[in-house]
Amino acid sequence: MADEQGLLFTDDVSPLPSDQGYRGPTACNAAGITYRQLDYWARTGLVEPTVRGATGSGTQRLYSFRDILILKVIKRLLDAGISLQQIRTAVQHLRERGTDDLTRVTLMSDGATVYECTSNDEVIDLLQGGQGVFGIAIGGVWREIEGSLAELPSERAAADPAAESSAADELAARRAARKIG
């Protein structure tokens, strides 16, 4: 999908519109994590939803394709035994790095530290040094998530916050009318 756009990436990694996102349960399904993990990571700032954050009781967070990509990478790192502290460092590095050629990045780890490799030579050097124990090719994770999300529902964030709040006001008015009558 991303390859069909001509450029591998733009500043927005997602091949979807920037206002299109996925609710928490859908993000969990695609990333292979629990809702409890998703909620904790959002509250602690590890992966906050970029399409729409929770703004109070009853609002739904919406996660972008890139958010779900990062969630899946975190899940893989956790499964490999990497500490959440090291994962936070790796995620921060990926954020600072930007999104250019992200699919060409392979994350390698020796079980304690996470390394970024962008070429086969770097991977080989790391392995020859006896440091690499496992690797995660982000491009492969990208394709997995594209396949998963193709089957799952998405939604658009409200373009006009006033429209969203008026819908909430209308619902509140209906509830109040029902209580009175």
C-alpha atoms as a PDB file:
ATOM      1  CA  MET A   1       0.000   0.000   0.000  1.00  0.00           C
ATOM      2  CA  ALA A   2       2.718   2.494   0.988  1.00  0.00           C
ATOM      3  CA  ASP A   3       4.822   1.479  -2.028  1.00  0.00           C
ATOM      4  CA  GLU A   4       1.934   2.372  -4.366  1.00  0.00           C
ATOM      5  CA  GLN A   5       2.141   5.994  -3.234  1.00  0.00           C
ATOM      6  CA  GLY A   6       5.428   6.548  -5.055  1.00  0.00           C
ATOM      7  CA  LEU A   7       7.302   7.742  -1.980  1.00  0.00           C
ATOM      8  CA  LEU A   8       8.104   5.216   0.675  1.00  0.00           C
ATOM      9  CA  PHE A   9       6.910   7.640   3.356  1.00  0.00           C
ATOM     10  CA  THR A  10       5.901  11.184   4.003  1.00  0.00           C
ATOM     11  CA  ASP A  11       6.039  12.779   7.454  1.00  0.00           C
ATOM     12  CA  ASP A  12       2.885  10.824   8.290  1.00  0.00           C
ATOM     13  CA  VAL A  13       3.928   7.168   8.072  1.00  0.00           C
ATOM     14  CA  SER A  14       0.374   5.961   7.845  1.00  0.00           C
ATOM     15  CA  PRO A  15      -0.924   5.121   4.379  1.00  0.00           C
ATOM     16  CA  LEU A  16      -4.313   6.193   5.715  1.00  0.00           C
ATOM     17  CA  PRO A  17      -5.695   9.712   6.088  1.00  0.00           C
ATOM     18  CA  SER A  18      -4.277  11.425   9.171  1.00  0.00           C
ATOM     19  CA  ASP A  19      -7.743  11.803  10.696  1.00  0.00           C
ATOM     20  CA  GLN A  20      -8.507   8.086  10.319  1.00  0.00           C
ATOM     21  CA  GLY A  21      -7.823   5.941  13.325  1.00  0.00           C
ATOM     22  CA  TYR A  22      -8.594   2.765  15.160  1.00  0.00           C
ATOM     23  CA  ARG A  23     -10.275   2.352  18.540  1.00  0.00           C
ATOM     24  CA  GLY A  24      -8.433   0.748  21.419  1.00  0.00           C
ATOM     25  CA  PRO A  25      -9.821  -2.795  21.009  1.00  0.00           C
ATOM     26  CA  THR A  26      -8.926  -2.757  17.305  1.00  0.00           C
ATOM     27  CA  ALA A  27      -5.409  -1.464  18.053  1.00  0.00           C
ATOM     28  CA  CYS A  28      -5.018  -4.229  20.665  1.00  0.00           C
ATOM     29  CA  ASN A  29      -6.155  -6.872  18.189  1.00  0.00           C
ATOM     30  CA  ALA A  30      -3.737  -5.687  15.485  1.00  0.00           C
ATOM     31  CA  ALA A  31      -0.776  -5.319  17.874  1.00  0.00           C
ATOM     32  CA  GLY A  32      -1.454  -8.496  19.871  1.00  0.00           C
ATOM     33  CA  ILE A  33      -1.642  -6.760  23.250  1.00  0.00           C
ATOM     34  CA  THR A  34      -4.209  -6.513  26.025  1.00  0.00           C
ATOM     35  CA  TYR A  35      -6.401  -3.472  26.571  1.00  0.00           C
ATOM     36  CA  ARG A  36      -4.837  -3.101  30.011  1.00  0.00           C
ATOM     37  CA  GLN A  37      -1.369  -2.776  28.399  1.00  0.00           C
ATOM     38  CA  LEU A  38      -2.703  -0.252  25.872  1.00  0.00           C
ATOM     39  CA  ASP A  39      -4.316   1.848  28.585  1.00  0.00           C
ATOM     40  CA  TYR A  40      -1.200   1.781  30.792  1.00  0.00           C
ATOM     41  CA  TRP A  41       1.097   2.732  27.912  1.00  0.00           C
ATOM     42  CA  ALA A  42      -1.214   5.611  26.952  1.00  0.00           C
ATOM     43  CA  ARG A  43      -1.427   6.898  30.538  1.00  0.00           C
ATOM     44  CA  THR A  44       2.361   6.697  31.018  1.00  0.00           C
ATOM     45  CA  GLY A  45       3.124   8.345  27.669  1.00  0.00           C
ATOM     46  CA  LEU A  46       4.829   5.361  26.013  1.00  0.00           C
ATOM     47  CA  VAL A  47       2.385   5.344  23.086  1.00  0.00           C
ATOM     48  CA  GLU A  48      -0.293   8.000  23.115  1.00  0.00           C
ATOM     49  CA  PRO A  49      -2.975   7.975  20.420  1.00  0.00           C
ATOM     50  CA  THR A  50      -2.138  10.560  17.764  1.00  0.00           C
ATOM     51  CA  VAL A  51      -5.521  10.715  15.993  1.00  0.00           C
ATOM     52  CA  ARG A  52      -7.585  11.440  19.101  1.00  0.00           C
ATOM     53  CA  GLY A  53      -6.762  11.175  22.781  1.00  0.00           C
ATOM     54  CA  ALA A  54      -9.243  10.458  25.532  1.00  0.00           C
ATOM     55  CA  THR A  55     -10.772  13.726  26.714  1.00  0.00           C
ATOM     56  CA  GLY A  56     -12.988  12.461  29.493  1.00  0.00           C
ATOM     57  CA  SER A  57     -15.371   9.736  30.404  1.00  0.00           C
ATOM     58  CA  GLY A  58     -16.891   8.001  27.408  1.00  0.00           C
ATOM     59  CA  THR A  59     -14.534   9.367  24.750  1.00  0.00           C
ATOM     60  CA  GLN A  60     -12.704   6.884  22.559  1.00  0.00           C
ATOM     61  CA  ARG A  61      -8.990   7.091  21.850  1.00  0.00           C
ATOM     62  CA  LEU A  62      -8.130   6.698  18.184  1.00  0.00           C
ATOM     63  CA  TYR A  63      -4.753   5.221  17.231  1.00  0.00           C
ATOM     64  CA  SER A  64      -3.053   5.835  13.880  1.00  0.00           C
ATOM     65  CA  PHE A  65      -1.399   3.164  11.759  1.00  0.00           C
ATOM     66  CA  ARG A  66       2.011   4.391  13.009  1.00  0.00           C
ATOM     67  CA  ASP A  67       0.830   4.155  16.641  1.00  0.00           C
ATOM     68  CA  ILE A  68      -0.185   0.530  16.068  1.00  0.00           C
ATOM     69  CA  LEU A  69       3.148  -0.164  14.347  1.00  0.00           C
ATOM     70  CA  ILE A  70       4.955   1.074  17.461  1.00  0.00           C
ATOM     71  CA  LEU A  71       2.626  -0.959  19.719  1.00  0.00           C
ATOM     72  CA  LYS A  72       3.468  -4.120  17.759  1.00  0.00           C
ATOM     73  CA  VAL A  73       7.220  -3.410  17.942  1.00  0.00           C
ATOM     74  CA  ILE A  74       6.899  -2.884  21.716  1.00  0.00           C
ATOM     75  CA  LYS A  75       5.049  -6.198  22.024  1.00  0.00           C
ATOM     76  CA  ARG A  76       7.822  -7.996  20.128  1.00  0.00           C
ATOM     77  CA  LEU A  77      10.507  -6.411  22.335  1.00  0.00           C
ATOM     78  CA  LEU A  78       8.602  -7.394  25.498  1.00  0.00           C
ATOM     79  CA  ASP A  79       8.215 -10.961  24.214  1.00  0.00           C
ATOM     80  CA  ALA A  80      11.994 -11.072  23.707  1.00  0.00           C
ATOM     81  CA  GLY A  81      12.554 -10.119  27.338  1.00  0.00           C
ATOM     82  CA  ILE A  82      13.564  -6.480  26.901  1.00  0.00           C
ATOM     83  CA  SER A  83      12.781  -4.287  29.921  1.00  0.00           C
ATOM     84  CA  LEU A  84      10.115  -1.608  29.604  1.00  0.00           C
ATOM     85  CA  GLN A  85      12.786   0.976  30.468  1.00  0.00           C
ATOM     86  CA  GLN A  86      14.925  -0.088  27.474  1.00  0.00           C
ATOM     87  CA  ILE A  87      11.814  -0.145  25.292  1.00  0.00           C
ATOM     88  CA  ARG A  88      10.972   3.431  26.323  1.00  0.00           C
ATOM     89  CA  THR A  89      14.493   4.457  25.257  1.00  0.00           C
ATOM     90  CA  ALA A  90      14.132   2.671  21.896  1.00  0.00           C
ATOM     91  CA  VAL A  91      10.691   4.194  21.223  1.00  0.00           C
ATOM     92  CA  GLN A  92      11.986   7.667  22.082  1.00  0.00           C
ATOM     93  CA  HIS A  93      14.886   7.122  19.663  1.00  0.00           C
ATOM     94  CA  LEU A  94      12.487   6.095  16.878  1.00  0.00           C
ATOM     95  CA  ARG A  95      10.365   9.205  17.534  1.00  0.00           C
ATOM     96  CA  GLU A  96      13.423  11.481  17.400  1.00  0.00           C
ATOM     97  CA  ARG A  97      14.698   9.715  14.291  1.00  0.00           C
ATOM     98  CA  GLY A  98      11.542  10.560  12.389  1.00  0.00           C
ATOM     99  CA  THR A  99       9.793   8.385   9.885  1.00  0.00           C
ATOM    100  CA  ASP A 100      12.121   8.483   6.880  1.00  0.00           C
ATOM    101  CA  ASP A 101      12.800   4.949   5.661  1.00  0.00           C
ATOM    102  CA  LEU A 102      11.453   3.434   8.859  1.00  0.00           C
ATOM    103  CA  THR A 103      10.714   0.173   7.013  1.00  0.00           C
ATOM    104  CA  ARG A 104      14.450  -0.246   6.404  1.00  0.00           C
ATOM    105  CA  VAL A 105      15.240  -0.241  10.126  1.00  0.00           C
ATOM    106  CA  THR A 106      15.940  -3.492  11.953  1.00  0.00           C
ATOM    107  CA  LEU A 107      15.975  -3.342  15.727  1.00  0.00           C
ATOM    108  CA  MET A 108      18.532  -5.739  17.200  1.00  0.00           C
ATOM    109  CA  SER A 109      19.069  -6.570  20.850  1.00  0.00           C
ATOM    110  CA  ASP A 110      21.425  -8.518  23.038  1.00  0.00           C
ATOM    111  CA  GLY A 111      18.677  -8.881  25.615  1.00  0.00           C
ATOM    112  CA  ALA A 112      19.686  -5.738  27.497  1.00  0.00           C
ATOM    113  CA  THR A 113      20.240  -2.991  24.922  1.00  0.00           C
ATOM    114  CA  VAL A 114      18.323  -2.236  21.717  1.00  0.00           C
ATOM    115  CA  TYR A 115      20.340  -1.282  18.625  1.00  0.00           C
ATOM    116  CA  GLU A 116      19.125   0.288  15.369  1.00  0.00           C
ATOM    117  CA  CYS A 117      20.543  -1.230  12.183  1.00  0.00           C
ATOM    118  CA  THR A 118      19.799   0.305   8.780  1.00  0.00           C
ATOM    119  CA  SER A 119      21.964  -1.925   6.592  1.00  0.00           C
ATOM    120  CA  ASN A 120      22.884  -5.588   6.279  1.00  0.00           C
ATOM    121  CA  ASP A 121      26.481  -4.674   7.134  1.00  0.00           C
ATOM    122  CA  GLU A 122      25.413  -3.183  10.480  1.00  0.00           C
ATOM    123  CA  VAL A 123      23.437  -6.339  11.313  1.00  0.00           C
ATOM    124  CA  ILE A 124      26.402  -8.543  10.382  1.00  0.00           C
ATOM    125  CA  ASP A 125      28.822  -6.382  12.406  1.00  0.00           C
ATOM    126  CA  LEU A 126      26.554  -6.623  15.440  1.00  0.00           C
ATOM    127  CA  LEU A 127      26.222 -10.396  15.091  1.00  0.00           C
ATOM    128  CA  GLN A 128      29.961 -10.869  14.576  1.00  0.00           C
ATOM    129  CA  GLY A 129      30.577  -8.866  17.734  1.00  0.00           C
ATOM    130  CA  GLY A 130      28.472 -11.466  19.530  1.00  0.00           C
ATOM    131  CA  GLN A 131      25.929  -8.872  20.609  1.00  0.00           C
ATOM    132  CA  GLY A 132      22.819  -9.575  18.531  1.00  0.00           C
ATOM    133  CA  VAL A 133      20.403 -12.098  19.946  1.00  0.00           C
ATOM    134  CA  PHE A 134      17.293 -11.259  17.939  1.00  0.00           C
ATOM    135  CA  GLY A 135      16.102  -8.701  15.423  1.00  0.00           C
ATOM    136  CA  ILE A 136      12.827  -7.063  14.458  1.00  0.00           C
ATOM    137  CA  ALA A 137      12.540  -5.870  10.864  1.00  0.00           C
ATOM    138  CA  ILE A 138      10.102  -2.960  11.076  1.00  0.00           C
ATOM    139  CA  GLY A 139       9.190  -3.374   7.392  1.00  0.00           C
ATOM    140  CA  GLY A 140       7.909  -6.879   8.148  1.00  0.00           C
ATOM    141  CA  VAL A 141       5.879  -5.598  11.092  1.00  0.00           C
ATOM    142  CA  TRP A 142       4.502  -2.835   8.815  1.00  0.00           C
ATOM    143  CA  ARG A 143       3.202  -5.424   6.301  1.00  0.00           C
ATOM    144  CA  GLU A 144       1.711  -7.580   9.082  1.00  0.00           C
ATOM    145  CA  ILE A 145      -0.229  -4.642  10.487  1.00  0.00           C
ATOM    146  CA  GLU A 146      -1.417  -3.573   7.031  1.00  0.00           C
ATOM    147  CA  GLY A 147      -2.854  -7.061   6.587  1.00  0.00           C
ATOM    148  CA  SER A 148      -4.444  -7.114  10.054  1.00  0.00           C
ATOM    149  CA  LEU A 149      -5.989  -3.664   9.782  1.00  0.00           C
ATOM    150  CA  ALA A 150      -7.451  -4.338   6.331  1.00  0.00           C
ATOM    151  CA  GLU A 151      -9.947  -6.632   8.066  1.00  0.00           C
ATOM    152  CA  LEU A 152     -10.686  -4.367  11.047  1.00  0.00           C
ATOM    153  CA  PRO A 153     -12.948  -1.298  11.374  1.00  0.00           C
ATOM    154  CA  SER A 154     -11.570   2.229  11.400  1.00  0.00           C
ATOM    155  CA  GLU A 155     -13.231   5.582  11.925  1.00  0.00           C
ATOM    156  CA  ARG A 156     -12.538   9.216  11.283  1.00  0.00           C
ATOM    157  CA  ALA A 157     -11.947  11.706  14.044  1.00  0.00           C
ATOM    158  CA  ALA A 158     -14.515  14.510  14.178  1.00  0.00           C
ATOM    159  CA  ALA A 159     -13.160  17.326  12.013  1.00  0.00           C
ATOM    160  CA  ASP A 160     -15.012  19.913  14.060  1.00  0.00           C
ATOM    161  CA  PRO A 161     -14.747  19.614  17.858  1.00  0.00           C
ATOM    162  CA  ALA A 162     -17.896  21.736  18.159  1.00  0.00           C
ATOM    163  CA  ALA A 163     -19.816  19.129  16.145  1.00  0.00           C
ATOM    164  CA  GLU A 164     -18.587  16.415  18.510  1.00  0.00           C
ATOM    165  CA  SER A 165     -19.583  18.376  21.598  1.00  0.00           C
ATOM    166  CA  SER A 166     -22.991  19.275  20.126  1.00  0.00           C
ATOM    167  CA  ALA A 167     -23.617  15.561  19.573  1.00  0.00           C
ATOM    168  CA  ALA A 168     -22.741  14.988  23.227  1.00  0.00           C
ATOM    169  CA  ASP A 169     -25.018  17.889  24.226  1.00  0.00           C
ATOM    170  CA  GLU A 170     -27.847  16.397  22.186  1.00  0.00           C
ATOM    171  CA  LEU A 171     -27.379  13.059  23.924  1.00  0.00           C
ATOM    172  CA  ALA A 172     -27.317  14.781  27.331  1.00  0.00           C
ATOM    173  CA  ALA A 173     -30.518  16.643  26.420  1.00  0.00           C
ATOM    174  CA  ARG A 174     -32.239  13.376  25.428  1.00  0.00           C
ATOM    175  CA  ARG A 175     -31.182  11.738  28.697  1.00  0.00           C
ATOM    176  CA  ALA A 176     -32.459  14.696  30.707  1.00  0.00           C
ATOM    177  CA  ALA A 177     -35.777  14.657  28.822  1.00  0.00           C
ATOM    178  CA  ARG A 178     -36.143  10.915  29.475  1.00  0.00           C
ATOM    179  CA  LYS A 179     -35.541  11.418  33.212  1.00  0.00           C
ATOM    180  CA  ILE A 180     -38.113  14.207  33.422  1.00  0.00           C
ATOM    181  CA  GLY A 181     -40.819  12.376  31.444  1.00  0.00           C
END
